[in-house]
Amino acid sequence: MGLDIGTSGVRAAELSFGKNGVTLEKFGQVAIAPGAVRDGEVVDVESVAQAIRHLWTSAKFGSKKVVLGVANQKVIVRQVDLPWLPDAELRQSLAFQVQDYIPIPVEQAILDFYRVEEFVTDAGVRMVRVLLVAAVRDMVMSAIEAVRKAGLTTSQVDLTPFAVLRAAGQIDPVGLQAHGDAEAVVDIGGRVTNIVVHQNGVPRFVRVLLMGGDHVTEAVAERMGVPLEQAEGLKQQMSLGSSPGAVEVDHPAARVVETTGAGLVEEIRGSLDYYLAQPAAVPLRRVVISGGGARLGGLLPRLALATRLPVVPASPLSSLRVGKTGLSSEQLSYVEPLVTVPVGLAMGVAS
């Protein structure tokens, strides 16, 4: 079970693993009260717990053990080089080695790492390059408490960008691309956008942006003086122009969508440019987009124009068998951008 607690709703996917591959058994989502999750952080535990209980009842999931994803401004990911140690010893030593790399006291953080590569310095010292992950403990515990109050058990907490990579990244199991170009996978949620650059499944760069599709909706609501529900409907009728500053229709909402959507495109482009400016960066071959915010009209061609790279929609269901989910093919197609995170979280159990 993968559980994604988003800004506007909670989503979960149940996977089974067998000799014929991975099967999506069930998927469900329910809305949560406005303000219960703020920028990816659970602030109203009881409201979120109520939504999770409702989700489990309505979707009839077969397990109460979940893998929980976290990604917000209280999660820091840094690439750092450390003296080589076996994984168990390295994990135990993190608190004594990484304080200078993170802006929070280590005693207030939950620390983990992803081993990227090993190397030897000119002085002959064996080193390991890792992606260091540090999350504020209280933030993680709030999410776990919401799960507990819903009557479930958190078996694992995972970094959401890693889940995005598992579900939507193109990985060559033969290893022909191991030393080739990199791929960027971008999941655009309501208020949080997760970016991960990987090289054949090995994450090289992670960034969490505190912006997403809801920012466009809110801008339309403010400019037009209409409720958020009406603003969302207007947004879905509009599209980003084929070039910066252009609007497809002469409508005030179209100009707001263009301005705000262009800001999102620039934030994503800027993050990829930052990665490419790193000394160890390798060229990007394409960008893969998922998430509810990816439905913004004209977003993919505008991002392709900004990055000068192919930009394609993610297809997290393409590698899965689909069981008796109770969803029609049309419904599965509609929810596919939303399944990336919960599917990727559930897949982490087998990785």
Protein backbone atom coordinates (compact mmCIF):
# COMPACT_ATOMS: atom_id res chain seq x y z
CA MET A 1 0.00 0.00 0.00
CA GLY A 2 1.32 3.40 -0.99
CA LEU A 3 -0.32 6.44 0.67
CA ASP A 4 0.06 9.95 -0.72
CA ILE A 5 -1.21 12.77 1.52
CA GLY A 6 -1.64 15.72 -0.82
CA THR A 7 -2.80 19.27 -0.30
CA SER A 8 -6.33 18.70 -1.54
CA GLY A 9 -6.77 14.96 -1.07
CA VAL A 10 -5.36 11.62 -0.01
CA ARG A 11 -4.64 8.88 -2.56
CA ALA A 12 -3.64 5.26 -2.12
CA ALA A 13 -2.68 2.39 -4.39
CA GLU A 14 -2.58 -1.30 -3.55
CA LEU A 15 -0.10 -3.41 -5.50
CA SER A 16 0.53 -7.14 -5.53
CA PHE A 17 3.78 -8.75 -6.66
CA GLY A 18 3.87 -12.11 -8.42
CA LYS A 19 5.67 -14.14 -11.05
CA ASN A 20 3.72 -12.32 -13.77
CA GLY A 21 4.85 -8.93 -12.56
CA VAL A 22 3.28 -6.14 -10.53
CA THR A 23 -0.51 -5.72 -10.46
CA LEU A 24 -2.49 -2.63 -9.50
CA GLU A 25 -5.25 -4.14 -7.37
CA LYS A 26 -6.99 -0.98 -6.19
CA PHE A 27 -6.68 2.80 -6.36
CA GLY A 28 -8.73 5.41 -4.54
CA GLN A 29 -8.75 9.05 -3.56
CA VAL A 30 -10.85 11.33 -1.38
CA ALA A 31 -10.77 15.06 -0.73
CA ILE A 32 -9.59 16.52 2.56
CA ALA A 33 -10.71 19.66 4.34
CA PRO A 34 -9.08 22.85 3.01
CA GLY A 35 -6.07 23.80 5.11
CA ALA A 36 -5.63 20.36 6.70
CA VAL A 37 -2.42 19.93 4.69
CA ARG A 38 -0.37 23.05 4.05
CA ASP A 39 2.39 22.93 1.43
CA GLY A 40 2.75 19.18 1.85
CA GLU A 41 2.74 19.21 5.68
CA VAL A 42 -0.06 17.77 7.82
CA VAL A 43 -1.32 20.54 10.12
CA ASP A 44 -4.74 19.12 11.07
CA VAL A 45 -4.11 15.53 12.10
CA GLU A 46 -7.74 14.69 12.86
CA SER A 47 -9.05 15.96 9.51
CA VAL A 48 -6.43 14.00 7.59
CA ALA A 49 -7.11 10.87 9.67
CA GLN A 50 -10.82 11.19 8.91
CA ALA A 51 -10.09 11.42 5.18
CA ILE A 52 -7.82 8.35 5.30
CA ARG A 53 -10.51 6.37 7.16
CA HIS A 54 -13.05 7.38 4.52
CA LEU A 55 -10.64 6.36 1.76
CA TRP A 56 -10.05 2.90 3.24
CA THR A 57 -13.77 2.33 3.71
CA SER A 58 -14.75 3.46 0.22
CA ALA A 59 -11.92 1.75 -1.70
CA LYS A 60 -12.01 -1.46 0.39
CA PHE A 61 -8.23 -1.85 0.48
CA GLY A 62 -6.90 -5.21 1.59
CA SER A 63 -4.15 -4.03 3.95
CA LYS A 64 -3.73 -1.59 6.80
CA LYS A 65 0.06 -1.30 6.47
CA VAL A 66 1.17 1.63 4.34
CA VAL A 67 4.28 3.23 2.90
CA LEU A 68 3.97 6.97 3.49
CA GLY A 69 5.55 9.65 1.30
CA VAL A 70 6.87 13.03 2.47
CA ALA A 71 8.00 16.06 0.46
CA ASN A 72 7.81 19.68 1.61
CA GLN A 73 9.95 22.59 2.75
CA LYS A 74 10.95 20.63 5.85
CA VAL A 75 12.72 17.94 3.82
CA ILE A 76 16.27 18.70 2.71
CA VAL A 77 18.12 16.67 0.07
CA ARG A 78 21.83 17.31 -0.53
CA GLN A 79 24.52 15.47 -2.47
CA VAL A 80 27.49 15.01 -0.18
CA ASP A 81 30.76 13.07 -0.19
CA LEU A 82 31.57 11.06 2.94
CA PRO A 83 34.31 8.61 3.98
CA TRP A 84 33.34 5.13 2.83
CA LEU A 85 31.62 2.88 5.37
CA PRO A 86 29.26 -0.10 5.07
CA ASP A 87 25.63 1.03 4.90
CA ALA A 88 24.74 0.14 8.49
CA GLU A 89 27.75 1.97 9.93
CA LEU A 90 27.28 4.92 7.61
CA ARG A 91 23.66 5.32 8.72
CA GLN A 92 24.71 5.25 12.38
CA SER A 93 27.41 7.86 11.79
CA LEU A 94 25.32 10.36 9.81
CA ALA A 95 24.42 12.49 12.82
CA PHE A 96 28.12 13.04 13.55
CA GLN A 97 29.08 13.88 9.96
CA VAL A 98 26.36 15.94 8.31
CA GLN A 99 25.43 18.88 10.56
CA ASP A 100 27.32 21.31 8.30
CA TYR A 101 25.28 20.17 5.29
CA ILE A 102 21.77 20.78 6.65
CA PRO A 103 20.06 23.91 8.06
CA ILE A 104 18.37 22.09 10.96
CA PRO A 105 19.84 20.61 14.15
CA VAL A 106 20.55 16.93 13.66
CA GLU A 107 18.77 16.08 16.91
CA GLN A 108 15.54 17.47 15.38
CA ALA A 109 15.95 15.57 12.11
CA ILE A 110 15.37 12.10 10.74
CA LEU A 111 18.38 11.25 8.57
CA ASP A 112 18.82 8.79 5.75
CA PHE A 113 20.82 8.49 2.55
CA TYR A 114 20.84 7.01 -0.94
CA ARG A 115 24.20 5.68 -2.08
CA VAL A 116 25.01 7.16 -5.53
CA GLU A 117 28.56 6.04 -6.26
CA GLU A 118 31.94 5.26 -4.75
CA PHE A 119 35.26 6.83 -5.70
CA VAL A 120 38.85 7.22 -4.50
CA THR A 121 40.41 10.65 -3.97
CA ASP A 122 43.79 11.68 -5.36
CA ALA A 123 45.16 10.98 -1.88
CA GLY A 124 43.89 7.40 -2.08
CA VAL A 125 41.00 7.84 0.36
CA ARG A 126 37.95 5.70 -0.37
CA MET A 127 34.80 7.85 -0.43
CA VAL A 128 31.09 7.44 -1.09
CA ARG A 129 28.84 10.01 -2.76
CA VAL A 130 25.31 9.98 -1.34
CA LEU A 131 22.06 11.87 -1.55
CA LEU A 132 21.58 12.90 2.06
CA VAL A 133 17.95 13.20 3.15
CA ALA A 134 17.08 15.12 6.31
CA ALA A 135 13.46 15.60 7.41
CA VAL A 136 12.23 17.57 10.42
CA ARG A 137 11.13 14.91 12.90
CA ASP A 138 7.96 16.67 14.09
CA MET A 139 6.69 17.03 10.51
CA VAL A 140 7.16 13.31 9.81
CA MET A 141 5.56 12.34 13.12
CA SER A 142 2.46 14.46 12.36
CA ALA A 143 1.88 12.48 9.17
CA ILE A 144 2.49 9.17 10.96
CA GLU A 145 0.07 10.21 13.71
CA ALA A 146 -2.67 10.90 11.13
CA VAL A 147 -2.13 7.41 9.72
CA ARG A 148 -2.26 5.91 13.22
CA LYS A 149 -5.47 7.75 14.10
CA ALA A 150 -7.00 6.38 10.91
CA GLY A 151 -6.41 2.86 12.24
CA LEU A 152 -3.48 2.09 9.94
CA THR A 153 0.21 1.33 10.47
CA THR A 154 3.10 3.11 8.76
CA SER A 155 5.56 0.41 7.76
CA GLN A 156 7.94 2.79 5.98
CA VAL A 157 8.40 6.51 5.29
CA ASP A 158 9.81 7.34 1.88
CA LEU A 159 10.90 10.47 0.05
CA THR A 160 8.19 11.27 -2.48
CA PRO A 161 10.64 12.12 -5.32
CA PHE A 162 12.08 8.60 -5.01
CA ALA A 163 8.56 7.20 -5.44
CA VAL A 164 8.07 9.39 -8.51
CA LEU A 165 11.27 7.97 -9.98
CA ARG A 166 10.21 4.35 -9.39
CA ALA A 167 6.81 4.79 -10.99
CA ALA A 168 7.59 7.13 -13.90
CA GLY A 169 11.32 6.93 -14.64
CA GLN A 170 12.57 5.04 -17.68
CA ILE A 171 15.06 2.44 -16.45
CA ASP A 172 17.05 0.06 -18.63
CA PRO A 173 17.49 -3.18 -16.65
CA VAL A 174 20.20 -4.37 -19.05
CA GLY A 175 22.27 -1.32 -18.16
CA LEU A 176 22.93 0.01 -21.65
CA GLN A 177 22.05 3.52 -20.46
CA ALA A 178 24.02 3.34 -17.22
CA HIS A 179 26.65 5.74 -18.52
CA GLY A 180 24.38 7.67 -20.88
CA ASP A 181 22.22 10.71 -20.58
CA ALA A 182 19.99 11.49 -17.62
CA GLU A 183 16.22 11.88 -17.43
CA ALA A 184 14.20 14.36 -15.38
CA VAL A 185 10.91 13.24 -13.85
CA VAL A 186 8.59 15.99 -12.59
CA ASP A 187 5.42 15.39 -10.58
CA ILE A 188 3.25 18.51 -10.30
CA GLY A 189 0.77 18.40 -7.43
CA GLY A 190 -1.58 21.00 -6.03
CA ARG A 191 1.02 22.96 -4.07
CA VAL A 192 4.16 20.81 -4.23
CA THR A 193 6.18 19.87 -7.31
CA ASN A 194 8.72 17.05 -7.01
CA ILE A 195 11.69 16.99 -9.38
CA VAL A 196 14.16 14.12 -9.62
CA VAL A 197 16.95 13.70 -12.14
CA HIS A 198 18.24 10.16 -12.52
CA GLN A 199 20.71 8.20 -14.57
CA ASN A 200 19.24 4.78 -15.28
CA GLY A 201 17.42 4.68 -11.95
CA VAL A 202 20.17 6.24 -9.82
CA PRO A 203 18.94 9.62 -8.50
CA ARG A 204 21.43 12.41 -9.09
CA PHE A 205 19.43 15.49 -8.12
CA VAL A 206 16.24 16.13 -6.12
CA ARG A 207 14.34 19.35 -5.63
CA VAL A 208 10.96 20.06 -4.02
CA LEU A 209 9.21 23.23 -5.23
CA LEU A 210 6.42 24.77 -3.17
CA MET A 211 4.19 25.54 -6.11
CA GLY A 212 1.77 23.64 -8.30
CA GLY A 213 -1.60 23.64 -9.98
CA ASP A 214 -3.47 25.21 -7.05
CA HIS A 215 -1.45 28.39 -7.40
CA VAL A 216 -2.85 28.87 -10.90
CA THR A 217 -6.39 28.19 -9.65
CA GLU A 218 -6.01 30.66 -6.77
CA ALA A 219 -4.66 33.35 -9.09
CA VAL A 220 -7.70 32.92 -11.37
CA ALA A 221 -10.06 33.06 -8.37
CA GLU A 222 -8.47 36.26 -7.07
CA ARG A 223 -8.34 37.98 -10.46
CA MET A 224 -11.88 37.02 -11.47
CA GLY A 225 -13.44 37.33 -8.02
CA VAL A 226 -14.98 33.85 -8.17
CA PRO A 227 -14.95 30.81 -5.82
CA LEU A 228 -12.13 28.30 -6.17
CA GLU A 229 -14.41 25.66 -7.68
CA GLN A 230 -15.44 28.04 -10.46
CA ALA A 231 -11.83 29.17 -10.91
CA GLU A 232 -10.74 25.54 -11.36
CA GLY A 233 -13.33 25.11 -14.09
CA LEU A 234 -12.13 28.28 -15.83
CA LYS A 235 -8.51 27.13 -15.59
CA GLN A 236 -9.35 23.83 -17.26
CA GLN A 237 -10.87 25.70 -20.19
CA MET A 238 -7.72 27.77 -20.70
CA SER A 239 -4.25 26.92 -21.97
CA LEU A 240 -0.75 28.31 -21.84
CA GLY A 241 0.17 30.10 -25.03
CA SER A 242 2.48 28.56 -27.60
CA SER A 243 5.10 31.15 -26.62
CA PRO A 244 5.70 33.27 -23.50
CA GLY A 245 3.19 36.09 -23.19
CA ALA A 246 0.83 34.70 -25.80
CA VAL A 247 -2.77 33.81 -24.92
CA GLU A 248 -4.96 31.42 -26.86
CA VAL A 249 -8.26 33.23 -26.15
CA ASP A 250 -9.13 36.82 -25.25
CA HIS A 251 -10.32 36.19 -21.71
CA PRO A 252 -9.06 37.64 -18.39
CA ALA A 253 -8.66 34.12 -16.97
CA ALA A 254 -6.47 33.16 -19.93
CA ARG A 255 -4.05 35.97 -19.13
CA VAL A 256 -3.87 34.88 -15.46
CA VAL A 257 -3.26 31.25 -16.49
CA GLU A 258 -0.53 32.41 -18.87
CA THR A 259 1.24 34.54 -16.26
CA THR A 260 1.02 32.07 -13.37
CA GLY A 261 1.63 28.99 -15.50
CA ALA A 262 4.69 30.62 -17.03
CA GLY A 263 6.05 31.09 -13.51
CA LEU A 264 5.70 27.37 -12.85
CA VAL A 265 7.45 26.54 -16.13
CA GLU A 266 10.32 28.87 -15.23
CA GLU A 267 10.72 27.34 -11.77
CA ILE A 268 11.00 23.86 -13.27
CA ARG A 269 13.38 25.06 -15.98
CA GLY A 270 15.49 26.88 -13.40
CA SER A 271 15.78 23.73 -11.27
CA LEU A 272 16.95 21.70 -14.28
CA ASP A 273 19.42 24.44 -15.22
CA TYR A 274 20.76 24.34 -11.67
CA TYR A 275 21.32 20.60 -11.97
CA LEU A 276 23.03 20.97 -15.35
CA ALA A 277 25.38 23.57 -13.88
CA GLN A 278 26.78 21.05 -11.38
CA PRO A 279 30.29 19.74 -12.15
CA ALA A 280 29.18 16.09 -12.25
CA ALA A 281 25.98 16.68 -14.26
CA VAL A 282 25.33 14.71 -17.43
CA PRO A 283 23.08 15.94 -20.27
CA LEU A 284 19.32 15.44 -20.04
CA ARG A 285 17.66 13.45 -22.79
CA ARG A 286 14.04 14.25 -21.87
CA VAL A 287 11.57 15.40 -19.20
CA VAL A 288 8.70 13.21 -17.98
CA ILE A 289 5.67 14.93 -16.41
CA SER A 290 3.02 13.53 -14.05
CA GLY A 291 0.66 14.76 -11.35
CA GLY A 292 -2.70 16.52 -11.36
CA GLY A 293 -1.03 19.85 -12.11
CA ALA A 294 0.31 18.39 -15.37
CA ARG A 295 -3.21 18.68 -16.80
CA LEU A 296 -2.75 22.43 -17.27
CA GLY A 297 -3.38 23.02 -20.97
CA GLY A 298 -0.28 23.77 -23.02
CA LEU A 299 2.10 22.99 -20.16
CA LEU A 300 4.10 20.24 -21.88
CA PRO A 301 4.86 22.14 -25.11
CA ARG A 302 5.76 25.28 -23.13
CA LEU A 303 8.14 23.31 -20.91
CA ALA A 304 9.64 21.73 -24.03
CA LEU A 305 10.16 25.22 -25.47
CA ALA A 306 11.77 26.46 -22.24
CA THR A 307 14.08 23.48 -21.72
CA ARG A 308 14.74 22.64 -25.41
CA LEU A 309 14.11 19.00 -24.50
CA PRO A 310 11.42 16.46 -25.37
CA VAL A 311 8.68 16.61 -22.71
CA VAL A 312 6.35 13.61 -22.44
CA PRO A 313 3.54 12.57 -20.08
CA ALA A 314 4.35 9.85 -17.56
CA SER A 315 2.75 6.44 -17.99
CA PRO A 316 3.02 4.80 -14.54
CA LEU A 317 0.39 2.19 -15.44
CA SER A 318 2.20 0.98 -18.56
CA SER A 319 4.48 -1.37 -16.63
CA LEU A 320 1.68 -2.72 -14.40
CA ARG A 321 -0.99 -5.32 -14.84
CA VAL A 322 -4.39 -3.90 -13.89
CA GLY A 323 -6.47 -6.07 -11.61
CA LYS A 324 -10.13 -5.75 -10.65
CA THR A 325 -9.83 -2.12 -9.61
CA GLY A 326 -13.48 -1.35 -10.31
CA LEU A 327 -12.35 1.48 -12.61
CA SER A 328 -13.18 1.61 -16.30
CA SER A 329 -10.46 2.14 -18.90
CA GLU A 330 -11.62 5.76 -19.23
CA GLN A 331 -11.41 6.28 -15.47
CA LEU A 332 -7.95 4.69 -15.33
CA SER A 333 -6.78 7.00 -18.10
CA TYR A 334 -8.12 10.00 -16.20
CA VAL A 335 -6.47 9.08 -12.88
CA GLU A 336 -3.15 7.92 -14.35
CA PRO A 337 -1.38 11.27 -13.68
CA LEU A 338 -2.47 10.92 -10.04
CA VAL A 339 -1.30 7.35 -9.39
CA THR A 340 2.41 8.05 -9.83
CA VAL A 341 3.21 8.81 -6.19
CA PRO A 342 1.13 6.12 -4.42
CA VAL A 343 2.19 3.47 -6.96
CA GLY A 344 5.85 4.47 -6.57
CA LEU A 345 5.58 4.35 -2.78
CA ALA A 346 4.11 0.84 -2.89
CA MET A 347 6.79 -0.28 -5.36
CA GLY A 348 9.45 0.77 -2.85
CA VAL A 349 8.61 -2.23 -0.68
CA ALA A 350 10.00 -4.55 -3.35
CA SER A 351 13.07 -2.46 -4.24
